[in-house]
Amino acid sequence: MQVEIRGAEKLSFRERQVVTLKEMGYSTERIAKQLKLSPSSVATLFNRARAKGYQVVIVIPGNSLGLFEPEDEEELGK
């Protein structure tokens, strides 16, 4: 699985850190502890990043979802 943050160039370094951890499912408290910030700072950074309009795209190979037989993947890859 690959995660891509579109619009990341609009975000500050700290906003990117917070967004990445939030989108990975970490709690505000856990992020605050890891980045040595207060939970309110984490919430502020996340809200600012959301206001700047980033998008998260997750690319999941079809095989990992069991959608294709090995022969189908070979044909698609040609």
N, C-alpha and C. Protein backbone atom coordinates (compact mmCIF):
# COMPACT_ATOMS: atom_id res chain seq x y z
N MET A 1 0.84 -1.18 0.00
CA MET A 1 0.00 0.00 0.00
C MET A 1 0.89 1.24 0.00
N GLN A 2 0.48 2.22 -0.76
CA GLN A 2 1.22 3.48 -0.86
C GLN A 2 0.26 4.61 -0.52
N VAL A 3 0.72 5.56 0.28
CA VAL A 3 -0.10 6.71 0.65
C VAL A 3 0.53 7.95 0.04
N GLU A 4 -0.28 8.76 -0.62
CA GLU A 4 0.18 9.99 -1.24
C GLU A 4 -0.66 11.14 -0.69
N ILE A 5 0.01 12.22 -0.29
CA ILE A 5 -0.69 13.41 0.17
C ILE A 5 -0.59 14.44 -0.94
N ARG A 6 -1.70 14.68 -1.61
CA ARG A 6 -1.73 15.68 -2.68
C ARG A 6 -1.96 17.05 -2.06
N GLY A 7 -1.18 18.02 -2.50
CA GLY A 7 -1.27 19.35 -1.94
C GLY A 7 -0.34 19.54 -0.75
N ALA A 8 0.55 18.58 -0.53
CA ALA A 8 1.47 18.65 0.61
C ALA A 8 2.40 19.85 0.52
N GLU A 9 2.64 20.32 -0.70
CA GLU A 9 3.54 21.48 -0.87
C GLU A 9 2.96 22.75 -0.24
N LYS A 10 1.65 22.76 0.00
CA LYS A 10 1.00 23.91 0.64
C LYS A 10 1.16 23.87 2.16
N LEU A 11 1.56 22.72 2.69
CA LEU A 11 1.62 22.53 4.13
C LEU A 11 3.01 22.81 4.69
N SER A 12 3.04 23.31 5.91
CA SER A 12 4.32 23.48 6.60
C SER A 12 4.86 22.10 6.98
N PHE A 13 6.11 22.07 7.38
CA PHE A 13 6.74 20.80 7.78
C PHE A 13 5.95 20.16 8.92
N ARG A 14 5.61 20.94 9.95
CA ARG A 14 4.87 20.42 11.10
C ARG A 14 3.47 19.95 10.69
N GLU A 15 2.82 20.70 9.81
CA GLU A 15 1.50 20.29 9.33
C GLU A 15 1.59 18.95 8.61
N ARG A 16 2.63 18.77 7.80
CA ARG A 16 2.82 17.49 7.10
C ARG A 16 3.01 16.34 8.09
N GLN A 17 3.79 16.60 9.13
CA GLN A 17 4.00 15.56 10.14
C GLN A 17 2.67 15.17 10.80
N VAL A 18 1.91 16.17 11.20
CA VAL A 18 0.64 15.92 11.88
C VAL A 18 -0.34 15.21 10.95
N VAL A 19 -0.45 15.70 9.72
CA VAL A 19 -1.38 15.09 8.75
C VAL A 19 -1.00 13.63 8.51
N THR A 20 0.26 13.36 8.32
CA THR A 20 0.70 11.99 8.06
C THR A 20 0.31 11.07 9.20
N LEU A 21 0.60 11.50 10.43
CA LEU A 21 0.28 10.66 11.58
C LEU A 21 -1.23 10.53 11.78
N LYS A 22 -1.97 11.62 11.58
CA LYS A 22 -3.44 11.58 11.72
C LYS A 22 -4.04 10.62 10.70
N GLU A 23 -3.59 10.72 9.46
CA GLU A 23 -4.13 9.87 8.39
C GLU A 23 -3.73 8.41 8.57
N MET A 24 -2.69 8.16 9.36
CA MET A 24 -2.31 6.79 9.67
C MET A 24 -3.12 6.25 10.85
N GLY A 25 -3.96 7.11 11.44
CA GLY A 25 -4.85 6.65 12.50
C GLY A 25 -4.40 6.95 13.91
N TYR A 26 -3.32 7.70 14.08
CA TYR A 26 -2.85 8.02 15.42
C TYR A 26 -3.75 9.06 16.08
N SER A 27 -3.90 8.95 17.38
CA SER A 27 -4.72 9.91 18.13
C SER A 27 -3.96 11.22 18.31
N THR A 28 -4.72 12.26 18.59
CA THR A 28 -4.12 13.58 18.83
C THR A 28 -3.13 13.50 20.00
N GLU A 29 -3.50 12.79 21.04
CA GLU A 29 -2.63 12.66 22.22
C GLU A 29 -1.33 11.95 21.88
N ARG A 30 -1.42 10.89 21.08
CA ARG A 30 -0.22 10.14 20.68
C ARG A 30 0.70 11.01 19.82
N ILE A 31 0.11 11.75 18.89
CA ILE A 31 0.89 12.63 18.02
C ILE A 31 1.57 13.71 18.86
N ALA A 32 0.83 14.28 19.79
CA ALA A 32 1.39 15.33 20.66
C ALA A 32 2.60 14.81 21.42
N LYS A 33 2.47 13.61 21.96
CA LYS A 33 3.59 13.01 22.70
C LYS A 33 4.78 12.76 21.79
N GLN A 34 4.52 12.20 20.61
CA GLN A 34 5.60 11.86 19.69
C GLN A 34 6.33 13.11 19.19
N LEU A 35 5.57 14.18 18.89
CA LEU A 35 6.18 15.39 18.34
C LEU A 35 6.54 16.42 19.41
N LYS A 36 6.28 16.05 20.68
CA LYS A 36 6.57 16.94 21.81
C LYS A 36 5.84 18.28 21.68
N LEU A 37 4.54 18.17 21.40
CA LEU A 37 3.65 19.32 21.28
C LEU A 37 2.47 19.11 22.22
N SER A 38 1.72 20.16 22.45
CA SER A 38 0.49 20.01 23.22
C SER A 38 -0.60 19.47 22.30
N PRO A 39 -1.58 18.78 22.86
CA PRO A 39 -2.70 18.29 22.02
C PRO A 39 -3.41 19.43 21.30
N SER A 40 -3.51 20.60 21.92
CA SER A 40 -4.17 21.72 21.24
C SER A 40 -3.35 22.22 20.05
N SER A 41 -2.03 22.16 20.14
CA SER A 41 -1.18 22.53 19.00
C SER A 41 -1.36 21.56 17.85
N VAL A 42 -1.46 20.28 18.18
CA VAL A 42 -1.69 19.26 17.15
C VAL A 42 -3.03 19.52 16.46
N ALA A 43 -4.06 19.79 17.25
CA ALA A 43 -5.38 20.06 16.67
C ALA A 43 -5.34 21.30 15.78
N THR A 44 -4.64 22.34 16.22
CA THR A 44 -4.52 23.56 15.43
C THR A 44 -3.80 23.29 14.12
N LEU A 45 -2.69 22.57 14.17
CA LEU A 45 -1.93 22.24 12.96
C LEU A 45 -2.78 21.42 11.99
N PHE A 46 -3.53 20.47 12.52
CA PHE A 46 -4.37 19.62 11.66
C PHE A 46 -5.48 20.45 11.02
N ASN A 47 -6.10 21.33 11.79
CA ASN A 47 -7.17 22.18 11.24
C ASN A 47 -6.64 23.15 10.18
N ARG A 48 -5.45 23.70 10.41
CA ARG A 48 -4.83 24.58 9.41
C ARG A 48 -4.55 23.82 8.13
N ALA A 49 -4.04 22.60 8.27
CA ALA A 49 -3.73 21.78 7.10
C ALA A 49 -5.01 21.46 6.33
N ARG A 50 -6.07 21.12 7.03
CA ARG A 50 -7.34 20.82 6.37
C ARG A 50 -7.86 22.05 5.63
N ALA A 51 -7.69 23.22 6.21
CA ALA A 51 -8.14 24.46 5.58
C ALA A 51 -7.37 24.75 4.29
N LYS A 52 -6.14 24.24 4.21
CA LYS A 52 -5.32 24.45 3.01
C LYS A 52 -5.69 23.48 1.89
N GLY A 53 -6.50 22.50 2.20
CA GLY A 53 -7.06 21.63 1.17
C GLY A 53 -6.15 20.55 0.63
N TYR A 54 -5.59 19.72 1.48
CA TYR A 54 -4.82 18.57 1.00
C TYR A 54 -5.76 17.40 0.73
N GLN A 55 -5.29 16.41 -0.02
CA GLN A 55 -6.04 15.18 -0.28
C GLN A 55 -5.13 14.00 0.00
N VAL A 56 -5.68 12.97 0.57
CA VAL A 56 -4.92 11.74 0.79
C VAL A 56 -5.41 10.70 -0.20
N VAL A 57 -4.46 10.12 -0.91
CA VAL A 57 -4.77 9.08 -1.89
C VAL A 57 -4.04 7.83 -1.45
N ILE A 58 -4.77 6.73 -1.38
CA ILE A 58 -4.18 5.46 -1.00
C ILE A 58 -4.20 4.56 -2.23
N VAL A 59 -3.03 4.08 -2.63
CA VAL A 59 -2.91 3.19 -3.77
C VAL A 59 -2.72 1.77 -3.23
N ILE A 60 -3.68 0.92 -3.53
CA ILE A 60 -3.63 -0.46 -3.04
C ILE A 60 -3.55 -1.38 -4.26
N PRO A 61 -2.51 -2.19 -4.36
CA PRO A 61 -2.42 -3.12 -5.47
C PRO A 61 -3.61 -4.08 -5.46
N GLY A 62 -4.17 -4.37 -6.64
CA GLY A 62 -5.32 -5.24 -6.75
C GLY A 62 -5.10 -6.61 -6.13
N ASN A 63 -3.90 -7.12 -6.27
CA ASN A 63 -3.60 -8.45 -5.76
C ASN A 63 -3.78 -8.53 -4.25
N SER A 64 -3.44 -7.47 -3.53
CA SER A 64 -3.54 -7.51 -2.07
C SER A 64 -5.00 -7.57 -1.62
N LEU A 65 -5.92 -7.22 -2.51
CA LEU A 65 -7.34 -7.31 -2.19
C LEU A 65 -7.97 -8.59 -2.71
N GLY A 66 -7.17 -9.41 -3.38
CA GLY A 66 -7.67 -10.66 -3.93
C GLY A 66 -8.65 -10.45 -5.07
N LEU A 67 -8.46 -9.38 -5.85
CA LEU A 67 -9.38 -9.07 -6.93
C LEU A 67 -9.01 -9.75 -8.25
N PHE A 68 -7.74 -10.09 -8.40
CA PHE A 68 -7.29 -10.63 -9.68
C PHE A 68 -6.58 -11.95 -9.47
N GLU A 69 -6.74 -12.81 -10.45
CA GLU A 69 -5.97 -14.05 -10.49
C GLU A 69 -4.59 -13.70 -11.04
N PRO A 70 -3.56 -14.48 -10.73
CA PRO A 70 -2.22 -14.16 -11.24
C PRO A 70 -2.17 -13.98 -12.76
N GLU A 71 -2.97 -14.75 -13.51
CA GLU A 71 -2.96 -14.63 -14.96
C GLU A 71 -3.52 -13.27 -15.39
N ASP A 72 -4.56 -12.79 -14.67
CA ASP A 72 -5.16 -11.49 -14.99
C ASP A 72 -4.15 -10.37 -14.80
N GLU A 73 -3.37 -10.45 -13.73
CA GLU A 73 -2.38 -9.41 -13.46
C GLU A 73 -1.32 -9.37 -14.57
N GLU A 74 -0.93 -10.55 -15.07
CA GLU A 74 0.05 -10.59 -16.15
C GLU A 74 -0.49 -9.89 -17.38
N GLU A 75 -1.77 -10.12 -17.70
CA GLU A 75 -2.38 -9.49 -18.86
C GLU A 75 -2.48 -7.98 -18.67
N LEU A 76 -2.83 -7.53 -17.47
CA LEU A 76 -2.95 -6.10 -17.21
C LEU A 76 -1.59 -5.42 -17.25
N GLY A 77 -0.54 -6.14 -16.88
CA GLY A 77 0.79 -5.56 -16.85
C GLY A 77 1.45 -5.45 -18.21
N LYS A 78 0.86 -6.09 -19.22
CA LYS A 78 1.47 -6.09 -20.57
C LYS A 78 1.22 -4.79 -21.28
